Amino acid sequence: MFDFGSMMKFKGAWDKFNANHPKFMPFMQAVGREAIMDGTIIEIKVTSPAGKEYNTNMKITQSDLELFAQLRTMM
């Protein structure tokens, strides 16, 4: 069942996220259009306020692309 109240709450939080990080969505859209394909490697680095670093990477597979396509149809 669709919960309109939860959806509106999410939209408010999403709008605030976009206002706080205005470069993030254009970056993700450009990457999605131009770089995400079978064999693409995505690397992520997170640095905590204390300076500890966390790093990982993943290689995009065809099944990942199929999942992303399904997610796009849901949005």
PDB file of N, CA and C in Angstrom:
ATOM      1  N   MET A   1       0.837  -1.188   0.000  1.00  0.00           N
ATOM      2  CA  MET A   1       0.000   0.000   0.000  1.00  0.00           C
ATOM      3  C   MET A   1       0.882   1.252   0.000  1.00  0.00           C
ATOM      4  N   PHE A   2       0.497   2.229  -0.745  1.00  0.00           N
ATOM      5  CA  PHE A   2       1.237   3.482  -0.874  1.00  0.00           C
ATOM      6  C   PHE A   2       0.945   4.377   0.322  1.00  0.00           C
ATOM      7  N   ASP A   3       1.975   4.818   0.988  1.00  0.00           N
ATOM      8  CA  ASP A   3       1.831   5.710   2.143  1.00  0.00           C
ATOM      9  C   ASP A   3       2.254   7.111   1.717  1.00  0.00           C
ATOM     10  N   PHE A   4       1.270   7.938   1.418  1.00  0.00           N
ATOM     11  CA  PHE A   4       1.536   9.285   0.912  1.00  0.00           C
ATOM     12  C   PHE A   4       2.333  10.118   1.911  1.00  0.00           C
ATOM     13  N   GLY A   5       2.025   9.990   3.205  1.00  0.00           N
ATOM     14  CA  GLY A   5       2.735  10.754   4.234  1.00  0.00           C
ATOM     15  C   GLY A   5       4.215  10.426   4.268  1.00  0.00           C
ATOM     16  N   SER A   6       4.541   9.141   4.189  1.00  0.00           N
ATOM     17  CA  SER A   6       5.951   8.726   4.186  1.00  0.00           C
ATOM     18  C   SER A   6       6.659   9.232   2.941  1.00  0.00           C
ATOM     19  N   MET A   7       5.946   9.200   1.814  1.00  0.00           N
ATOM     20  CA  MET A   7       6.538   9.674   0.568  1.00  0.00           C
ATOM     21  C   MET A   7       6.836  11.171   0.648  1.00  0.00           C
ATOM     22  N   MET A   8       5.942  11.937   1.223  1.00  0.00           N
ATOM     23  CA  MET A   8       6.163  13.378   1.356  1.00  0.00           C
ATOM     24  C   MET A   8       7.309  13.671   2.329  1.00  0.00           C
ATOM     25  N   LYS A   9       7.398  12.890   3.392  1.00  0.00           N
ATOM     26  CA  LYS A   9       8.498  13.054   4.344  1.00  0.00           C
ATOM     27  C   LYS A   9       9.834  12.760   3.656  1.00  0.00           C
ATOM     28  N   PHE A  10       9.863  11.686   2.862  1.00  0.00           N
ATOM     29  CA  PHE A  10      11.071  11.343   2.119  1.00  0.00           C
ATOM     30  C   PHE A  10      11.433  12.460   1.147  1.00  0.00           C
ATOM     31  N   LYS A  11      10.434  12.994   0.440  1.00  0.00           N
ATOM     32  CA  LYS A  11      10.705  14.060  -0.528  1.00  0.00           C
ATOM     33  C   LYS A  11      11.326  15.267   0.162  1.00  0.00           C
ATOM     34  N   GLY A  12      10.821  15.616   1.340  1.00  0.00           N
ATOM     35  CA  GLY A  12      11.401  16.737   2.079  1.00  0.00           C
ATOM     36  C   GLY A  12      12.852  16.484   2.445  1.00  0.00           C
ATOM     37  N   ALA A  13      13.138  15.267   2.912  1.00  0.00           N
ATOM     38  CA  ALA A  13      14.516  14.909   3.265  1.00  0.00           C
ATOM     39  C   ALA A  13      15.399  14.901   2.018  1.00  0.00           C
ATOM     40  N   TRP A  14      14.861  14.395   0.895  1.00  0.00           N
ATOM     41  CA  TRP A  14      15.617  14.353  -0.362  1.00  0.00           C
ATOM     42  C   TRP A  14      15.928  15.764  -0.853  1.00  0.00           C
ATOM     43  N   ASP A  15      14.942  16.646  -0.783  1.00  0.00           N
ATOM     44  CA  ASP A  15      15.157  18.033  -1.201  1.00  0.00           C
ATOM     45  C   ASP A  15      16.234  18.702  -0.339  1.00  0.00           C
ATOM     46  N   LYS A  16      16.216  18.437   0.953  1.00  0.00           N
ATOM     47  CA  LYS A  16      17.228  19.004   1.851  1.00  0.00           C
ATOM     48  C   LYS A  16      18.614  18.448   1.511  1.00  0.00           C
ATOM     49  N   PHE A  17      18.699  17.130   1.248  1.00  0.00           N
ATOM     50  CA  PHE A  17      19.966  16.513   0.850  1.00  0.00           C
ATOM     51  C   PHE A  17      20.511  17.203  -0.397  1.00  0.00           C
ATOM     52  N   ASN A  18      19.652  17.401  -1.397  1.00  0.00           N
ATOM     53  CA  ASN A  18      20.085  18.053  -2.639  1.00  0.00           C
ATOM     54  C   ASN A  18      20.511  19.496  -2.408  1.00  0.00           C
ATOM     55  N   ALA A  19      19.838  20.191  -1.498  1.00  0.00           N
ATOM     56  CA  ALA A  19      20.229  21.570  -1.185  1.00  0.00           C
ATOM     57  C   ALA A  19      21.579  21.605  -0.471  1.00  0.00           C
ATOM     58  N   ASN A  20      21.825  20.631   0.391  1.00  0.00           N
ATOM     59  CA  ASN A  20      23.092  20.569   1.128  1.00  0.00           C
ATOM     60  C   ASN A  20      24.259  20.119   0.256  1.00  0.00           C
ATOM     61  N   HIS A  21      23.974  19.343  -0.787  1.00  0.00           N
ATOM     62  CA  HIS A  21      25.024  18.756  -1.635  1.00  0.00           C
ATOM     63  C   HIS A  21      24.660  18.968  -3.112  1.00  0.00           C
ATOM     64  N   PRO A  22      24.658  20.204  -3.593  1.00  0.00           N
ATOM     65  CA  PRO A  22      24.143  20.493  -4.939  1.00  0.00           C
ATOM     66  C   PRO A  22      24.940  19.877  -6.086  1.00  0.00           C
ATOM     67  N   LYS A  23      26.171  19.502  -5.872  1.00  0.00           N
ATOM     68  CA  LYS A  23      26.979  18.925  -6.955  1.00  0.00           C
ATOM     69  C   LYS A  23      26.816  17.414  -7.070  1.00  0.00           C
ATOM     70  N   PHE A  24      26.229  16.777  -6.040  1.00  0.00           N
ATOM     71  CA  PHE A  24      26.188  15.317  -6.009  1.00  0.00           C
ATOM     72  C   PHE A  24      25.312  14.722  -7.118  1.00  0.00           C
ATOM     73  N   MET A  25      24.078  15.178  -7.259  1.00  0.00           N
ATOM     74  CA  MET A  25      23.187  14.587  -8.259  1.00  0.00           C
ATOM     75  C   MET A  25      23.654  14.847  -9.689  1.00  0.00           C
ATOM     76  N   PRO A  26      24.099  16.052 -10.041  1.00  0.00           N
ATOM     77  CA  PRO A  26      24.637  16.218 -11.396  1.00  0.00           C
ATOM     78  C   PRO A  26      25.827  15.289 -11.665  1.00  0.00           C
ATOM     79  N   PHE A  27      26.670  15.094 -10.652  1.00  0.00           N
ATOM     80  CA  PHE A  27      27.795  14.169 -10.792  1.00  0.00           C
ATOM     81  C   PHE A  27      27.282  12.756 -11.049  1.00  0.00           C
ATOM     82  N   MET A  28      26.333  12.298 -10.221  1.00  0.00           N
ATOM     83  CA  MET A  28      25.810  10.937 -10.374  1.00  0.00           C
ATOM     84  C   MET A  28      25.101  10.762 -11.716  1.00  0.00           C
ATOM     85  N   GLN A  29      24.388  11.781 -12.171  1.00  0.00           N
ATOM     86  CA  GLN A  29      23.710  11.701 -13.462  1.00  0.00           C
ATOM     87  C   GLN A  29      24.717  11.603 -14.602  1.00  0.00           C
ATOM     88  N   ALA A  30      25.790  12.387 -14.542  1.00  0.00           N
ATOM     89  CA  ALA A  30      26.825  12.328 -15.582  1.00  0.00           C
ATOM     90  C   ALA A  30      27.508  10.970 -15.583  1.00  0.00           C
ATOM     91  N   VAL A  31      27.826  10.467 -14.404  1.00  0.00           N
ATOM     92  CA  VAL A  31      28.455   9.145 -14.307  1.00  0.00           C
ATOM     93  C   VAL A  31      27.516   8.080 -14.872  1.00  0.00           C
ATOM     94  N   GLY A  32      26.246   8.148 -14.499  1.00  0.00           N
ATOM     95  CA  GLY A  32      25.273   7.175 -14.990  1.00  0.00           C
ATOM     96  C   GLY A  32      25.131   7.203 -16.500  1.00  0.00           C
ATOM     97  N   ARG A  33      25.148   8.394 -17.082  1.00  0.00           N
ATOM     98  CA  ARG A  33      25.019   8.539 -18.535  1.00  0.00           C
ATOM     99  C   ARG A  33      26.270   8.113 -19.279  1.00  0.00           C
ATOM    100  N   GLU A  34      27.437   8.442 -18.725  1.00  0.00           N
ATOM    101  CA  GLU A  34      28.669   8.358 -19.500  1.00  0.00           C
ATOM    102  C   GLU A  34      29.657   7.284 -19.068  1.00  0.00           C
ATOM    103  N   ALA A  35      29.552   6.776 -17.845  1.00  0.00           N
ATOM    104  CA  ALA A  35      30.634   5.913 -17.360  1.00  0.00           C
ATOM    105  C   ALA A  35      30.195   4.542 -16.866  1.00  0.00           C
ATOM    106  N   ILE A  36      28.940   4.379 -16.493  1.00  0.00           N
ATOM    107  CA  ILE A  36      28.531   3.103 -15.914  1.00  0.00           C
ATOM    108  C   ILE A  36      28.220   2.119 -17.031  1.00  0.00           C
ATOM    109  N   MET A  37      29.087   1.114 -17.153  1.00  0.00           N
ATOM    110  CA  MET A  37      28.919   0.041 -18.134  1.00  0.00           C
ATOM    111  C   MET A  37      29.619  -1.193 -17.588  1.00  0.00           C
ATOM    112  N   ASP A  38      29.382  -2.309 -18.217  1.00  0.00           N
ATOM    113  CA  ASP A  38      30.020  -3.554 -17.794  1.00  0.00           C
ATOM    114  C   ASP A  38      31.535  -3.360 -17.764  1.00  0.00           C
ATOM    115  N   GLY A  39      32.143  -3.626 -16.619  1.00  0.00           N
ATOM    116  CA  GLY A  39      33.589  -3.488 -16.474  1.00  0.00           C
ATOM    117  C   GLY A  39      34.038  -2.209 -15.791  1.00  0.00           C
ATOM    118  N   THR A  40      33.127  -1.244 -15.618  1.00  0.00           N
ATOM    119  CA  THR A  40      33.473  -0.013 -14.907  1.00  0.00           C
ATOM    120  C   THR A  40      33.842  -0.349 -13.466  1.00  0.00           C
ATOM    121  N   ILE A  41      34.870   0.290 -12.943  1.00  0.00           N
ATOM    122  CA  ILE A  41      35.255   0.110 -11.540  1.00  0.00           C
ATOM    123  C   ILE A  41      34.870   1.369 -10.777  1.00  0.00           C
ATOM    124  N   ILE A  42      34.108   1.173  -9.698  1.00  0.00           N
ATOM    125  CA  ILE A  42      33.713   2.273  -8.822  1.00  0.00           C
ATOM    126  C   ILE A  42      34.523   2.151  -7.546  1.00  0.00           C
ATOM    127  N   GLU A  43      35.212   3.224  -7.182  1.00  0.00           N
ATOM    128  CA  GLU A  43      35.986   3.262  -5.940  1.00  0.00           C
ATOM    129  C   GLU A  43      35.341   4.260  -4.995  1.00  0.00           C
ATOM    130  N   ILE A  44      35.257   3.888  -3.730  1.00  0.00           N
ATOM    131  CA  ILE A  44      34.667   4.762  -2.719  1.00  0.00           C
ATOM    132  C   ILE A  44      35.647   4.906  -1.567  1.00  0.00           C
ATOM    133  N   LYS A  45      35.853   6.157  -1.152  1.00  0.00           N
ATOM    134  CA  LYS A  45      36.710   6.450  -0.001  1.00  0.00           C
ATOM    135  C   LYS A  45      35.915   7.316   0.961  1.00  0.00           C
ATOM    136  N   VAL A  46      35.862   6.905   2.220  1.00  0.00           N
ATOM    137  CA  VAL A  46      35.182   7.662   3.267  1.00  0.00           C
ATOM    138  C   VAL A  46      36.204   7.979   4.344  1.00  0.00           C
ATOM    139  N   THR A  47      36.274   9.240   4.758  1.00  0.00           N
ATOM    140  CA  THR A  47      37.170   9.660   5.832  1.00  0.00           C
ATOM    141  C   THR A  47      36.320  10.151   6.998  1.00  0.00           C
ATOM    142  N   SER A  48      36.483   9.515   8.158  1.00  0.00           N
ATOM    143  CA  SER A  48      35.726   9.918   9.346  1.00  0.00           C
ATOM    144  C   SER A  48      36.260  11.246   9.870  1.00  0.00           C
ATOM    145  N   PRO A  49      35.500  11.936  10.728  1.00  0.00           N
ATOM    146  CA  PRO A  49      36.008  13.181  11.322  1.00  0.00           C
ATOM    147  C   PRO A  49      37.324  12.979  12.072  1.00  0.00           C
ATOM    148  N   ALA A  50      37.552  11.760  12.576  1.00  0.00           N
ATOM    149  CA  ALA A  50      38.800  11.468  13.285  1.00  0.00           C
ATOM    150  C   ALA A  50      39.958  11.191  12.331  1.00  0.00           C
ATOM    151  N   GLY A  51      39.674  11.147  11.019  1.00  0.00           N
ATOM    152  CA  GLY A  51      40.730  10.931  10.042  1.00  0.00           C
ATOM    153  C   GLY A  51      40.908   9.494   9.591  1.00  0.00           C
ATOM    154  N   LYS A  52      40.124   8.565  10.121  1.00  0.00           N
ATOM    155  CA  LYS A  52      40.237   7.168   9.694  1.00  0.00           C
ATOM    156  C   LYS A  52      39.620   7.014   8.309  1.00  0.00           C
ATOM    157  N   GLU A  53      40.332   6.303   7.434  1.00  0.00           N
ATOM    158  CA  GLU A  53      39.874   6.125   6.062  1.00  0.00           C
ATOM    159  C   GLU A  53      39.338   4.719   5.846  1.00  0.00           C
ATOM    160  N   TYR A  54      38.277   4.657   5.084  1.00  0.00           N
ATOM    161  CA  TYR A  54      37.667   3.397   4.665  1.00  0.00           C
ATOM    162  C   TYR A  54      37.610   3.437   3.144  1.00  0.00           C
ATOM    163  N   ASN A  55      38.108   2.385   2.497  1.00  0.00           N
ATOM    164  CA  ASN A  55      38.160   2.336   1.041  1.00  0.00           C
ATOM    165  C   ASN A  55      37.613   1.009   0.548  1.00  0.00           C
ATOM    166  N   THR A  56      36.949   1.047  -0.587  1.00  0.00           N
ATOM    167  CA  THR A  56      36.523  -0.178  -1.247  1.00  0.00           C
ATOM    168  C   THR A  56      36.346   0.119  -2.730  1.00  0.00           C
ATOM    169  N   ASN A  57      36.180  -0.925  -3.507  1.00  0.00           N
ATOM    170  CA  ASN A  57      35.870  -0.760  -4.921  1.00  0.00           C
ATOM    171  C   ASN A  57      35.037  -1.939  -5.383  1.00  0.00           C
ATOM    172  N   MET A  58      34.387  -1.752  -6.508  1.00  0.00           N
ATOM    173  CA  MET A  58      33.616  -2.841  -7.109  1.00  0.00           C
ATOM    174  C   MET A  58      33.640  -2.681  -8.617  1.00  0.00           C
ATOM    175  N   LYS A  59      33.613  -3.813  -9.282  1.00  0.00           N
ATOM    176  CA  LYS A  59      33.585  -3.825 -10.737  1.00  0.00           C
ATOM    177  C   LYS A  59      32.144  -4.102 -11.172  1.00  0.00           C
ATOM    178  N   ILE A  60      31.599  -3.226 -11.993  1.00  0.00           N
ATOM    179  CA  ILE A  60      30.216  -3.342 -12.437  1.00  0.00           C
ATOM    180  C   ILE A  60      30.073  -4.530 -13.386  1.00  0.00           C
ATOM    181  N   THR A  61      29.041  -5.332 -13.137  1.00  0.00           N
ATOM    182  CA  THR A  61      28.742  -6.498 -13.972  1.00  0.00           C
ATOM    183  C   THR A  61      27.429  -6.269 -14.725  1.00  0.00           C
ATOM    184  N   GLN A  62      27.141  -7.138 -15.659  1.00  0.00           N
ATOM    185  CA  GLN A  62      25.886  -7.043 -16.409  1.00  0.00           C
ATOM    186  C   GLN A  62      24.685  -7.156 -15.476  1.00  0.00           C
ATOM    187  N   SER A  63      24.766  -8.022 -14.472  1.00  0.00           N
ATOM    188  CA  SER A  63      23.633  -8.148 -13.540  1.00  0.00           C
ATOM    189  C   SER A  63      23.442  -6.868 -12.726  1.00  0.00           C
ATOM    190  N   ASP A  64      24.518  -6.156 -12.423  1.00  0.00           N
ATOM    191  CA  ASP A  64      24.395  -4.855 -11.751  1.00  0.00           C
ATOM    192  C   ASP A  64      23.636  -3.874 -12.646  1.00  0.00           C
ATOM    193  N   LEU A  65      23.971  -3.864 -13.927  1.00  0.00           N
ATOM    194  CA  LEU A  65      23.305  -2.963 -14.866  1.00  0.00           C
ATOM    195  C   LEU A  65      21.816  -3.269 -14.955  1.00  0.00           C
ATOM    196  N   GLU A  66      21.466  -4.559 -14.921  1.00  0.00           N
ATOM    197  CA  GLU A  66      20.060  -4.955 -14.959  1.00  0.00           C
ATOM    198  C   GLU A  66      19.334  -4.478 -13.703  1.00  0.00           C
ATOM    199  N   LEU A  67      19.983  -4.586 -12.542  1.00  0.00           N
ATOM    200  CA  LEU A  67      19.397  -4.089 -11.296  1.00  0.00           C
ATOM    201  C   LEU A  67      19.182  -2.578 -11.371  1.00  0.00           C
ATOM    202  N   PHE A  68      20.175  -1.840 -11.850  1.00  0.00           N
ATOM    203  CA  PHE A  68      20.056  -0.388 -11.966  1.00  0.00           C
ATOM    204  C   PHE A  68      18.890  -0.016 -12.888  1.00  0.00           C
ATOM    205  N   ALA A  69      18.726  -0.766 -13.988  1.00  0.00           N
ATOM    206  CA  ALA A  69      17.624  -0.500 -14.920  1.00  0.00           C
ATOM    207  C   ALA A  69      16.277  -0.728 -14.236  1.00  0.00           C
ATOM    208  N   GLN A  70      16.171  -1.781 -13.428  1.00  0.00           N
ATOM    209  CA  GLN A  70      14.929  -2.036 -12.692  1.00  0.00           C
ATOM    210  C   GLN A  70      14.641  -0.907 -11.717  1.00  0.00           C
ATOM    211  N   LEU A  71      15.672  -0.437 -11.016  1.00  0.00           N
ATOM    212  CA  LEU A  71      15.487   0.656 -10.062  1.00  0.00           C
ATOM    213  C   LEU A  71      15.010   1.924 -10.762  1.00  0.00           C
ATOM    214  N   ARG A  72      15.553   2.194 -11.956  1.00  0.00           N
ATOM    215  CA  ARG A  72      15.137   3.391 -12.697  1.00  0.00           C
ATOM    216  C   ARG A  72      13.650   3.335 -13.052  1.00  0.00           C
ATOM    217  N   THR A  73      13.133   2.147 -13.369  1.00  0.00           N
ATOM    218  CA  THR A  73      11.714   2.043 -13.724  1.00  0.00           C
ATOM    219  C   THR A  73      10.817   2.264 -12.514  1.00  0.00           C
ATOM    220  N   MET A  74      11.355   2.076 -11.311  1.00  0.00           N
ATOM    221  CA  MET A  74      10.577   2.248 -10.089  1.00  0.00           C
ATOM    222  C   MET A  74      10.516   3.704  -9.644  1.00  0.00           C
ATOM    223  N   MET A  75      11.375   4.545 -10.180  1.00  0.00           N
ATOM    224  CA  MET A  75      11.438   5.945  -9.734  1.00  0.00           C
ATOM    225  C   MET A  75      10.690   6.854 -10.672  1.00  0.00           C
TER     226      MET A  75
END
